[in-house]
Amino acid sequence: MDKYLHCQQLLGKLQQTMQQHQQWDACSPSAQALASIEPFAIDTLSCSQWLQWIFIPKMTLLVSQHLPLPSQFEIAPYVEEAMKNEQGYEAILAVCHEFDHLLKAK
């Protein structure tokens, strides 16, 4: 399967999984929170907020414009630690592992 198509499908799967487990916010964080320069915006956003408001939109842009996808990147270790006590943790983590596998594939 085309890497961009697979990534697009995983983005939809991640959004759906987050919504199913009440990890999807109706309102955006503040512009200041979204402007964090820390990895994963760890100083201003929760993991689910980072996935929803940073990761999914940026990856959607890369996919829609067929721009280079990150290759030296893993989100599962962060999600595993940051969401370990959250509702839907295992399901969300499973999708993140799929992303990591896809992005590492040559």
PDB file of N, CA and C in Angstrom:
ATOM      1  N   MET A   1       0.850  -1.183   0.000  1.00  0.00           N
ATOM      2  CA  MET A   1       0.000   0.000   0.000  1.00  0.00           C
ATOM      3  C   MET A   1       0.892   1.242   0.000  1.00  0.00           C
ATOM      4  N   ASP A   2       0.452   2.268  -0.685  1.00  0.00           N
ATOM      5  CA  ASP A   2       1.153   3.541  -0.722  1.00  0.00           C
ATOM      6  C   ASP A   2       1.298   4.090   0.695  1.00  0.00           C
ATOM      7  N   LYS A   3       2.494   4.568   1.023  1.00  0.00           N
ATOM      8  CA  LYS A   3       2.778   5.062   2.371  1.00  0.00           C
ATOM      9  C   LYS A   3       1.879   6.241   2.751  1.00  0.00           C
ATOM     10  N   TYR A   4       1.613   7.123   1.793  1.00  0.00           N
ATOM     11  CA  TYR A   4       0.762   8.284   2.080  1.00  0.00           C
ATOM     12  C   TYR A   4      -0.681   7.857   2.346  1.00  0.00           C
ATOM     13  N   LEU A   5      -1.180   6.918   1.569  1.00  0.00           N
ATOM     14  CA  LEU A   5      -2.532   6.414   1.779  1.00  0.00           C
ATOM     15  C   LEU A   5      -2.636   5.709   3.129  1.00  0.00           C
ATOM     16  N   HIS A   6      -1.635   4.895   3.441  1.00  0.00           N
ATOM     17  CA  HIS A   6      -1.618   4.188   4.720  1.00  0.00           C
ATOM     18  C   HIS A   6      -1.590   5.191   5.881  1.00  0.00           C
ATOM     19  N   CYS A   7      -0.776   6.230   5.746  1.00  0.00           N
ATOM     20  CA  CYS A   7      -0.690   7.255   6.780  1.00  0.00           C
ATOM     21  C   CYS A   7      -2.035   7.973   6.944  1.00  0.00           C
ATOM     22  N   GLN A   8      -2.668   8.294   5.837  1.00  0.00           N
ATOM     23  CA  GLN A   8      -3.979   8.947   5.884  1.00  0.00           C
ATOM     24  C   GLN A   8      -4.993   8.064   6.624  1.00  0.00           C
ATOM     25  N   GLN A   9      -4.959   6.769   6.349  1.00  0.00           N
ATOM     26  CA  GLN A   9      -5.868   5.847   7.023  1.00  0.00           C
ATOM     27  C   GLN A   9      -5.577   5.779   8.522  1.00  0.00           C
ATOM     28  N   LEU A  10      -4.298   5.773   8.878  1.00  0.00           N
ATOM     29  CA  LEU A  10      -3.938   5.732  10.291  1.00  0.00           C
ATOM     30  C   LEU A  10      -4.331   7.018  11.008  1.00  0.00           C
ATOM     31  N   LEU A  11      -4.250   8.150  10.333  1.00  0.00           N
ATOM     32  CA  LEU A  11      -4.685   9.411  10.943  1.00  0.00           C
ATOM     33  C   LEU A  11      -6.184   9.359  11.264  1.00  0.00           C
ATOM     34  N   GLY A  12      -6.959   8.833  10.340  1.00  0.00           N
ATOM     35  CA  GLY A  12      -8.394   8.665  10.590  1.00  0.00           C
ATOM     36  C   GLY A  12      -8.665   7.693  11.721  1.00  0.00           C
ATOM     37  N   LYS A  13      -7.890   6.613  11.748  1.00  0.00           N
ATOM     38  CA  LYS A  13      -8.038   5.602  12.805  1.00  0.00           C
ATOM     39  C   LYS A  13      -7.677   6.191  14.167  1.00  0.00           C
ATOM     40  N   LEU A  14      -6.622   6.997  14.210  1.00  0.00           N
ATOM     41  CA  LEU A  14      -6.226   7.629  15.470  1.00  0.00           C
ATOM     42  C   LEU A  14      -7.316   8.575  15.962  1.00  0.00           C
ATOM     43  N   GLN A  15      -7.835   9.405  15.074  1.00  0.00           N
ATOM     44  CA  GLN A  15      -8.905  10.327  15.464  1.00  0.00           C
ATOM     45  C   GLN A  15     -10.123   9.556  15.976  1.00  0.00           C
ATOM     46  N   GLN A  16     -10.520   8.551  15.251  1.00  0.00           N
ATOM     47  CA  GLN A  16     -11.687   7.759  15.644  1.00  0.00           C
ATOM     48  C   GLN A  16     -11.455   7.089  17.004  1.00  0.00           C
ATOM     49  N   THR A  17     -10.280   6.539  17.199  1.00  0.00           N
ATOM     50  CA  THR A  17      -9.962   5.869  18.464  1.00  0.00           C
ATOM     51  C   THR A  17      -9.981   6.861  19.616  1.00  0.00           C
ATOM     52  N   MET A  18      -9.411   8.023  19.401  1.00  0.00           N
ATOM     53  CA  MET A  18      -9.420   9.039  20.449  1.00  0.00           C
ATOM     54  C   MET A  18     -10.846   9.482  20.770  1.00  0.00           C
ATOM     55  N   GLN A  19     -11.674   9.654  19.753  1.00  0.00           N
ATOM     56  CA  GLN A  19     -13.066  10.050  19.977  1.00  0.00           C
ATOM     57  C   GLN A  19     -13.823   8.961  20.738  1.00  0.00           C
ATOM     58  N   GLN A  20     -13.615   7.714  20.370  1.00  0.00           N
ATOM     59  CA  GLN A  20     -14.302   6.605  21.032  1.00  0.00           C
ATOM     60  C   GLN A  20     -13.972   6.536  22.522  1.00  0.00           C
ATOM     61  N   HIS A  21     -12.794   6.988  22.888  1.00  0.00           N
ATOM     62  CA  HIS A  21     -12.347   6.901  24.278  1.00  0.00           C
ATOM     63  C   HIS A  21     -12.349   8.250  24.995  1.00  0.00           C
ATOM     64  N   GLN A  22     -13.146   9.186  24.477  1.00  0.00           N
ATOM     65  CA  GLN A  22     -13.318  10.505  25.080  1.00  0.00           C
ATOM     66  C   GLN A  22     -11.983  11.221  25.300  1.00  0.00           C
ATOM     67  N   GLN A  23     -11.082  11.100  24.330  1.00  0.00           N
ATOM     68  CA  GLN A  23      -9.797  11.799  24.379  1.00  0.00           C
ATOM     69  C   GLN A  23      -9.720  12.846  23.266  1.00  0.00           C
ATOM     70  N   TRP A  24     -10.864  13.351  22.838  1.00  0.00           N
ATOM     71  CA  TRP A  24     -10.949  14.318  21.747  1.00  0.00           C
ATOM     72  C   TRP A  24     -11.638  15.559  22.278  1.00  0.00           C
ATOM     73  N   ASP A  25     -10.978  16.705  22.207  1.00  0.00           N
ATOM     74  CA  ASP A  25     -11.537  17.952  22.739  1.00  0.00           C
ATOM     75  C   ASP A  25     -12.373  18.681  21.693  1.00  0.00           C
ATOM     76  N   ALA A  26     -13.422  19.323  22.157  1.00  0.00           N
ATOM     77  CA  ALA A  26     -14.272  20.120  21.264  1.00  0.00           C
ATOM     78  C   ALA A  26     -13.664  21.494  21.011  1.00  0.00           C
ATOM     79  N   CYS A  27     -12.876  21.990  21.953  1.00  0.00           N
ATOM     80  CA  CYS A  27     -12.296  23.331  21.838  1.00  0.00           C
ATOM     81  C   CYS A  27     -10.779  23.256  21.771  1.00  0.00           C
ATOM     82  N   SER A  28     -10.235  24.090  20.924  1.00  0.00           N
ATOM     83  CA  SER A  28      -8.783  24.163  20.753  1.00  0.00           C
ATOM     84  C   SER A  28      -8.115  24.804  21.964  1.00  0.00           C
ATOM     85  N   PRO A  29      -6.908  24.352  22.306  1.00  0.00           N
ATOM     86  CA  PRO A  29      -6.144  25.067  23.334  1.00  0.00           C
ATOM     87  C   PRO A  29      -5.805  26.476  22.839  1.00  0.00           C
ATOM     88  N   SER A  30      -5.316  27.296  23.723  1.00  0.00           N
ATOM     89  CA  SER A  30      -4.964  28.674  23.347  1.00  0.00           C
ATOM     90  C   SER A  30      -3.831  28.682  22.324  1.00  0.00           C
ATOM     91  N   ALA A  31      -3.732  29.772  21.593  1.00  0.00           N
ATOM     92  CA  ALA A  31      -2.646  29.938  20.621  1.00  0.00           C
ATOM     93  C   ALA A  31      -1.297  29.858  21.316  1.00  0.00           C
ATOM     94  N   GLN A  32      -1.222  30.375  22.515  1.00  0.00           N
ATOM     95  CA  GLN A  32       0.032  30.331  23.276  1.00  0.00           C
ATOM     96  C   GLN A  32       0.404  28.880  23.603  1.00  0.00           C
ATOM     97  N   ALA A  33      -0.563  28.080  24.002  1.00  0.00           N
ATOM     98  CA  ALA A  33      -0.286  26.673  24.311  1.00  0.00           C
ATOM     99  C   ALA A  33       0.164  25.920  23.060  1.00  0.00           C
ATOM    100  N   LEU A  34      -0.449  26.220  21.938  1.00  0.00           N
ATOM    101  CA  LEU A  34      -0.100  25.560  20.684  1.00  0.00           C
ATOM    102  C   LEU A  34       1.260  26.004  20.139  1.00  0.00           C
ATOM    103  N   ALA A  35       1.748  27.139  20.597  1.00  0.00           N
ATOM    104  CA  ALA A  35       3.015  27.688  20.100  1.00  0.00           C
ATOM    105  C   ALA A  35       4.231  27.167  20.866  1.00  0.00           C
ATOM    106  N   SER A  36       4.038  26.251  21.767  1.00  0.00           N
ATOM    107  CA  SER A  36       5.156  25.711  22.548  1.00  0.00           C
ATOM    108  C   SER A  36       6.273  25.216  21.636  1.00  0.00           C
ATOM    109  N   ILE A  37       7.499  25.426  22.075  1.00  0.00           N
ATOM    110  CA  ILE A  37       8.643  24.929  21.307  1.00  0.00           C
ATOM    111  C   ILE A  37       9.238  23.669  21.934  1.00  0.00           C
ATOM    112  N   GLU A  38       8.666  23.216  23.015  1.00  0.00           N
ATOM    113  CA  GLU A  38       9.131  21.992  23.672  1.00  0.00           C
ATOM    114  C   GLU A  38       8.687  20.766  22.869  1.00  0.00           C
ATOM    115  N   PRO A  39       9.481  19.698  22.906  1.00  0.00           N
ATOM    116  CA  PRO A  39       9.039  18.469  22.237  1.00  0.00           C
ATOM    117  C   PRO A  39       7.665  18.039  22.758  1.00  0.00           C
ATOM    118  N   PHE A  40       6.797  17.680  21.840  1.00  0.00           N
ATOM    119  CA  PHE A  40       5.435  17.246  22.158  1.00  0.00           C
ATOM    120  C   PHE A  40       4.633  18.317  22.901  1.00  0.00           C
ATOM    121  N   ALA A  41       5.103  19.553  22.880  1.00  0.00           N
ATOM    122  CA  ALA A  41       4.463  20.660  23.613  1.00  0.00           C
ATOM    123  C   ALA A  41       4.176  20.237  25.054  1.00  0.00           C
ATOM    124  N   ILE A  42       5.120  19.506  25.602  1.00  0.00           N
ATOM    125  CA  ILE A  42       4.932  18.885  26.918  1.00  0.00           C
ATOM    126  C   ILE A  42       4.693  19.899  28.029  1.00  0.00           C
ATOM    127  N   ASP A  43       5.124  21.129  27.819  1.00  0.00           N
ATOM    128  CA  ASP A  43       4.949  22.155  28.843  1.00  0.00           C
ATOM    129  C   ASP A  43       3.569  22.804  28.823  1.00  0.00           C
ATOM    130  N   THR A  44       2.810  22.608  27.740  1.00  0.00           N
ATOM    131  CA  THR A  44       1.529  23.307  27.640  1.00  0.00           C
ATOM    132  C   THR A  44       0.342  22.428  27.265  1.00  0.00           C
ATOM    133  N   LEU A  45       0.583  21.245  26.696  1.00  0.00           N
ATOM    134  CA  LEU A  45      -0.513  20.390  26.228  1.00  0.00           C
ATOM    135  C   LEU A  45      -0.439  19.005  26.845  1.00  0.00           C
ATOM    136  N   SER A  46      -1.594  18.399  27.013  1.00  0.00           N
ATOM    137  CA  SER A  46      -1.623  16.984  27.379  1.00  0.00           C
ATOM    138  C   SER A  46      -1.258  16.172  26.141  1.00  0.00           C
ATOM    139  N   CYS A  47      -0.977  14.919  26.318  1.00  0.00           N
ATOM    140  CA  CYS A  47      -0.631  14.068  25.176  1.00  0.00           C
ATOM    141  C   CYS A  47      -1.775  14.019  24.169  1.00  0.00           C
ATOM    142  N   SER A  48      -2.987  13.843  24.639  1.00  0.00           N
ATOM    143  CA  SER A  48      -4.117  13.772  23.703  1.00  0.00           C
ATOM    144  C   SER A  48      -4.311  15.098  22.971  1.00  0.00           C
ATOM    145  N   GLN A  49      -4.068  16.216  23.653  1.00  0.00           N
ATOM    146  CA  GLN A  49      -4.156  17.513  22.973  1.00  0.00           C
ATOM    147  C   GLN A  49      -3.071  17.628  21.909  1.00  0.00           C
ATOM    148  N   TRP A  50      -1.858  17.182  22.221  1.00  0.00           N
ATOM    149  CA  TRP A  50      -0.776  17.245  21.238  1.00  0.00           C
ATOM    150  C   TRP A  50      -1.113  16.394  20.014  1.00  0.00           C
ATOM    151  N   LEU A  51      -1.638  15.195  20.251  1.00  0.00           N
ATOM    152  CA  LEU A  51      -2.020  14.347  19.122  1.00  0.00           C
ATOM    153  C   LEU A  51      -3.088  15.031  18.274  1.00  0.00           C
ATOM    154  N   GLN A  52      -4.109  15.569  18.935  1.00  0.00           N
ATOM    155  CA  GLN A  52      -5.238  16.169  18.217  1.00  0.00           C
ATOM    156  C   GLN A  52      -4.887  17.477  17.523  1.00  0.00           C
ATOM    157  N   TRP A  53      -4.183  18.356  18.187  1.00  0.00           N
ATOM    158  CA  TRP A  53      -4.013  19.712  17.687  1.00  0.00           C
ATOM    159  C   TRP A  53      -2.667  19.975  17.009  1.00  0.00           C
ATOM    160  N   ILE A  54      -1.692  19.091  17.198  1.00  0.00           N
ATOM    161  CA  ILE A  54      -0.377  19.274  16.569  1.00  0.00           C
ATOM    162  C   ILE A  54      -0.076  18.127  15.598  1.00  0.00           C
ATOM    163  N   PHE A  55      -0.039  16.907  16.117  1.00  0.00           N
ATOM    164  CA  PHE A  55       0.377  15.765  15.305  1.00  0.00           C
ATOM    165  C   PHE A  55      -0.557  15.498  14.125  1.00  0.00           C
ATOM    166  N   ILE A  56      -1.830  15.329  14.391  1.00  0.00           N
ATOM    167  CA  ILE A  56      -2.772  14.988  13.316  1.00  0.00           C
ATOM    168  C   ILE A  56      -2.819  16.088  12.246  1.00  0.00           C
ATOM    169  N   PRO A  57      -2.953  17.372  12.610  1.00  0.00           N
ATOM    170  CA  PRO A  57      -2.970  18.399  11.556  1.00  0.00           C
ATOM    171  C   PRO A  57      -1.671  18.469  10.739  1.00  0.00           C
ATOM    172  N   LYS A  58      -0.521  18.360  11.408  1.00  0.00           N
ATOM    173  CA  LYS A  58       0.743  18.443  10.669  1.00  0.00           C
ATOM    174  C   LYS A  58       0.919  17.241   9.749  1.00  0.00           C
ATOM    175  N   MET A  59       0.588  16.059  10.234  1.00  0.00           N
ATOM    176  CA  MET A  59       0.712  14.864   9.399  1.00  0.00           C
ATOM    177  C   MET A  59      -0.298  14.910   8.253  1.00  0.00           C
ATOM    178  N   THR A  60      -1.487  15.424   8.507  1.00  0.00           N
ATOM    179  CA  THR A  60      -2.494  15.557   7.452  1.00  0.00           C
ATOM    180  C   THR A  60      -1.985  16.478   6.349  1.00  0.00           C
ATOM    181  N   LEU A  61      -1.339  17.566   6.725  1.00  0.00           N
ATOM    182  CA  LEU A  61      -0.762  18.488   5.748  1.00  0.00           C
ATOM    183  C   LEU A  61       0.318  17.798   4.917  1.00  0.00           C
ATOM    184  N   LEU A  62       1.220  17.076   5.579  1.00  0.00           N
ATOM    185  CA  LEU A  62       2.283  16.370   4.863  1.00  0.00           C
ATOM    186  C   LEU A  62       1.702  15.366   3.877  1.00  0.00           C
ATOM    187  N   VAL A  63       0.709  14.623   4.326  1.00  0.00           N
ATOM    188  CA  VAL A  63       0.093  13.598   3.476  1.00  0.00           C
ATOM    189  C   VAL A  63      -0.642  14.239   2.305  1.00  0.00           C
ATOM    190  N   SER A  64      -1.438  15.267   2.570  1.00  0.00           N
ATOM    191  CA  SER A  64      -2.247  15.871   1.504  1.00  0.00           C
ATOM    192  C   SER A  64      -1.394  16.517   0.417  1.00  0.00           C
ATOM    193  N   GLN A  65      -0.209  16.975   0.797  1.00  0.00           N
ATOM    194  CA  GLN A  65       0.667  17.626  -0.179  1.00  0.00           C
ATOM    195  C   GLN A  65       1.816  16.717  -0.636  1.00  0.00           C
ATOM    196  N   HIS A  66       1.770  15.473  -0.216  1.00  0.00           N
ATOM    197  CA  HIS A  66       2.819  14.497  -0.535  1.00  0.00           C
ATOM    198  C   HIS A  66       4.215  15.040  -0.224  1.00  0.00           C
ATOM    199  N   LEU A  67       4.324  15.690   0.925  1.00  0.00           N
ATOM    200  CA  LEU A  67       5.617  16.179   1.398  1.00  0.00           C
ATOM    201  C   LEU A  67       6.329  15.039   2.122  1.00  0.00           C
ATOM    202  N   PRO A  68       7.639  15.131   2.298  1.00  0.00           N
ATOM    203  CA  PRO A  68       8.360  14.045   2.969  1.00  0.00           C
ATOM    204  C   PRO A  68       7.807  13.782   4.377  1.00  0.00           C
ATOM    205  N   LEU A  69       7.619  12.527   4.670  1.00  0.00           N
ATOM    206  CA  LEU A  69       7.142  12.120   5.989  1.00  0.00           C
ATOM    207  C   LEU A  69       8.338  11.933   6.915  1.00  0.00           C
ATOM    208  N   PRO A  70       8.160  12.184   8.206  1.00  0.00           N
ATOM    209  CA  PRO A  70       9.279  11.981   9.134  1.00  0.00           C
ATOM    210  C   PRO A  70       9.713  10.518   9.131  1.00  0.00           C
ATOM    211  N   SER A  71      11.013  10.296   9.277  1.00  0.00           N
ATOM    212  CA  SER A  71      11.498   8.918   9.280  1.00  0.00           C
ATOM    213  C   SER A  71      12.236   8.569  10.567  1.00  0.00           C
ATOM    214  N   GLN A  72      12.764   9.526  11.238  1.00  0.00           N
ATOM    215  CA  GLN A  72      13.462   9.302  12.507  1.00  0.00           C
ATOM    216  C   GLN A  72      12.588   9.841  13.634  1.00  0.00           C
ATOM    217  N   PHE A  73      11.459   9.195  13.825  1.00  0.00           N
ATOM    218  CA  PHE A  73      10.439   9.754  14.698  1.00  0.00           C
ATOM    219  C   PHE A  73       9.646   8.615  15.322  1.00  0.00           C
ATOM    220  N   GLU A  74       9.431   8.694  16.615  1.00  0.00           N
ATOM    221  CA  GLU A  74       8.576   7.731  17.301  1.00  0.00           C
ATOM    222  C   GLU A  74       7.663   8.484  18.260  1.00  0.00           C
ATOM    223  N   ILE A  75       6.394   8.145  18.191  1.00  0.00           N
ATOM    224  CA  ILE A  75       5.453   8.760  19.138  1.00  0.00           C
ATOM    225  C   ILE A  75       5.002   7.775  20.204  1.00  0.00           C
ATOM    226  N   ALA A  76       5.101   6.484  19.935  1.00  0.00           N
ATOM    227  CA  ALA A  76       4.607   5.486  20.895  1.00  0.00           C
ATOM    228  C   ALA A  76       5.273   5.588  22.270  1.00  0.00           C
ATOM    229  N   PRO A  77       6.596   5.765  22.369  1.00  0.00           N
ATOM    230  CA  PRO A  77       7.180   5.863  23.718  1.00  0.00           C
ATOM    231  C   PRO A  77       6.607   7.030  24.524  1.00  0.00           C
ATOM    232  N   TYR A  78       6.379   8.155  23.863  1.00  0.00           N
ATOM    233  CA  TYR A  78       5.786   9.298  24.559  1.00  0.00           C
ATOM    234  C   TYR A  78       4.357   8.985  24.986  1.00  0.00           C
ATOM    235  N   VAL A  79       3.566   8.454  24.065  1.00  0.00           N
ATOM    236  CA  VAL A  79       2.169   8.131  24.370  1.00  0.00           C
ATOM    237  C   VAL A  79       2.097   7.093  25.483  1.00  0.00           C
ATOM    238  N   GLU A  80       2.975   6.119  25.423  1.00  0.00           N
ATOM    239  CA  GLU A  80       2.993   5.062  26.444  1.00  0.00           C
ATOM    240  C   GLU A  80       3.193   5.643  27.840  1.00  0.00           C
ATOM    241  N   GLU A  81       4.100   6.571  27.974  1.00  0.00           N
ATOM    242  CA  GLU A  81       4.370   7.178  29.281  1.00  0.00           C
ATOM    243  C   GLU A  81       3.311   8.214  29.660  1.00  0.00           C
ATOM    244  N   ALA A  82       2.971   9.075  28.732  1.00  0.00           N
ATOM    245  CA  ALA A  82       2.087  10.203  29.044  1.00  0.00           C
ATOM    246  C   ALA A  82       0.632   9.807  29.251  1.00  0.00           C
ATOM    247  N   MET A  83       0.192   8.721  28.610  1.00  0.00           N
ATOM    248  CA  MET A  83      -1.230   8.370  28.680  1.00  0.00           C
ATOM    249  C   MET A  83      -1.502   7.087  29.466  1.00  0.00           C
ATOM    250  N   LYS A  84      -0.502   6.569  30.167  1.00  0.00           N
ATOM    251  CA  LYS A  84      -0.650   5.256  30.800  1.00  0.00           C
ATOM    252  C   LYS A  84      -1.811   5.162  31.784  1.00  0.00           C
ATOM    253  N   ASN A  85      -2.270   6.253  32.304  1.00  0.00           N
ATOM    254  CA  ASN A  85      -3.402   6.230  33.236  1.00  0.00           C
ATOM    255  C   ASN A  85      -4.680   6.803  32.633  1.00  0.00           C
ATOM    256  N   GLU A  86      -4.674   7.010  31.327  1.00  0.00           N
ATOM    257  CA  GLU A  86      -5.819   7.637  30.655  1.00  0.00           C
ATOM    258  C   GLU A  86      -6.750   6.591  30.042  1.00  0.00           C
ATOM    259  N   GLN A  87      -8.009   6.983  29.896  1.00  0.00           N
ATOM    260  CA  GLN A  87      -9.000   6.139  29.248  1.00  0.00           C
ATOM    261  C   GLN A  87      -8.609   5.906  27.792  1.00  0.00           C
ATOM    262  N   GLY A  88      -8.668   4.654  27.354  1.00  0.00           N
ATOM    263  CA  GLY A  88      -8.372   4.317  25.967  1.00  0.00           C
ATOM    264  C   GLY A  88      -6.898   4.216  25.641  1.00  0.00           C
ATOM    265  N   TYR A  89      -6.069   4.246  26.669  1.00  0.00           N
ATOM    266  CA  TYR A  89      -4.613   4.233  26.508  1.00  0.00           C
ATOM    267  C   TYR A  89      -4.117   3.136  25.572  1.00  0.00           C
ATOM    268  N   GLU A  90      -4.547   1.907  25.800  1.00  0.00           N
ATOM    269  CA  GLU A  90      -4.030   0.781  25.010  1.00  0.00           C
ATOM    270  C   GLU A  90      -4.419   0.879  23.544  1.00  0.00           C
ATOM    271  N   ALA A  91      -5.640   1.293  23.270  1.00  0.00           N
ATOM    272  CA  ALA A  91      -6.106   1.410  21.883  1.00  0.00           C
ATOM    273  C   ALA A  91      -5.369   2.541  21.157  1.00  0.00           C
ATOM    274  N   ILE A  92      -5.191   3.663  21.822  1.00  0.00           N
ATOM    275  CA  ILE A  92      -4.483   4.796  21.224  1.00  0.00           C
ATOM    276  C   ILE A  92      -3.016   4.433  21.014  1.00  0.00           C
ATOM    277  N   LEU A  93      -2.421   3.785  21.995  1.00  0.00           N
ATOM    278  CA  LEU A  93      -1.029   3.366  21.883  1.00  0.00           C
ATOM    279  C   LEU A  93      -0.836   2.400  20.713  1.00  0.00           C
ATOM    280  N   ALA A  94      -1.776   1.502  20.507  1.00  0.00           N
ATOM    281  CA  ALA A  94      -1.668   0.543  19.400  1.00  0.00           C
ATOM    282  C   ALA A  94      -1.608   1.264  18.050  1.00  0.00           C
ATOM    283  N   VAL A  95      -2.422   2.294  17.874  1.00  0.00           N
ATOM    284  CA  VAL A  95      -2.390   3.060  16.624  1.00  0.00           C
ATOM    285  C   VAL A  95      -1.057   3.799  16.505  1.00  0.00           C
ATOM    286  N   CYS A  96      -0.558   4.317  17.596  1.00  0.00           N
ATOM    287  CA  CYS A  96       0.730   5.026  17.569  1.00  0.00           C
ATOM    288  C   CYS A  96       1.868   4.075  17.205  1.00  0.00           C
ATOM    289  N   HIS A  97       1.809   2.848  17.680  1.00  0.00           N
ATOM    290  CA  HIS A  97       2.808   1.848  17.273  1.00  0.00           C
ATOM    291  C   HIS A  97       2.727   1.598  15.767  1.00  0.00           C
ATOM    292  N   GLU A  98       1.526   1.598  15.224  1.00  0.00           N
ATOM    293  CA  GLU A  98       1.368   1.433  13.774  1.00  0.00           C
ATOM    294  C   GLU A  98       2.029   2.590  13.025  1.00  0.00           C
ATOM    295  N   PHE A  99       1.863   3.807  13.547  1.00  0.00           N
ATOM    296  CA  PHE A  99       2.520   4.967  12.939  1.00  0.00           C
ATOM    297  C   PHE A  99       4.032   4.798  12.965  1.00  0.00           C
ATOM    298  N   ASP A 100       4.552   4.432  14.117  1.00  0.00           N
ATOM    299  CA  ASP A 100       6.003   4.281  14.237  1.00  0.00           C
ATOM    300  C   ASP A 100       6.528   3.249  13.249  1.00  0.00           C
ATOM    301  N   HIS A 101       5.824   2.141  13.130  1.00  0.00           N
ATOM    302  CA  HIS A 101       6.236   1.095  12.194  1.00  0.00           C
ATOM    303  C   HIS A 101       6.201   1.610  10.754  1.00  0.00           C
ATOM    304  N   LEU A 102       5.146   2.308  10.401  1.00  0.00           N
ATOM    305  CA  LEU A 102       5.010   2.847   9.043  1.00  0.00           C
ATOM    306  C   LEU A 102       6.114   3.860   8.729  1.00  0.00           C
ATOM    307  N   LEU A 103       6.388   4.757   9.674  1.00  0.00           N
ATOM    308  CA  LEU A 103       7.344   5.820   9.412  1.00  0.00           C
ATOM    309  C   LEU A 103       8.792   5.317   9.400  1.00  0.00           C
ATOM    310  N   LYS A 104       9.039   4.183  10.021  1.00  0.00           N
ATOM    311  CA  LYS A 104      10.380   3.590   9.997  1.00  0.00           C
ATOM    312  C   LYS A 104      10.605   2.752   8.747  1.00  0.00           C
ATOM    313  N   ALA A 105       9.526   2.325   8.117  1.00  0.00           N
ATOM    314  CA  ALA A 105       9.641   1.452   6.938  1.00  0.00           C
ATOM    315  C   ALA A 105      10.284   2.208   5.786  1.00  0.00           C
ATOM    316  N   LYS A 106      11.111   1.507   5.065  1.00  0.00           N
ATOM    317  CA  LYS A 106      11.794   2.119   3.896  1.00  0.00           C
ATOM    318  C   LYS A 106      10.906   2.046   2.682  1.00  0.00           C
TER     319      LYS A 106
END
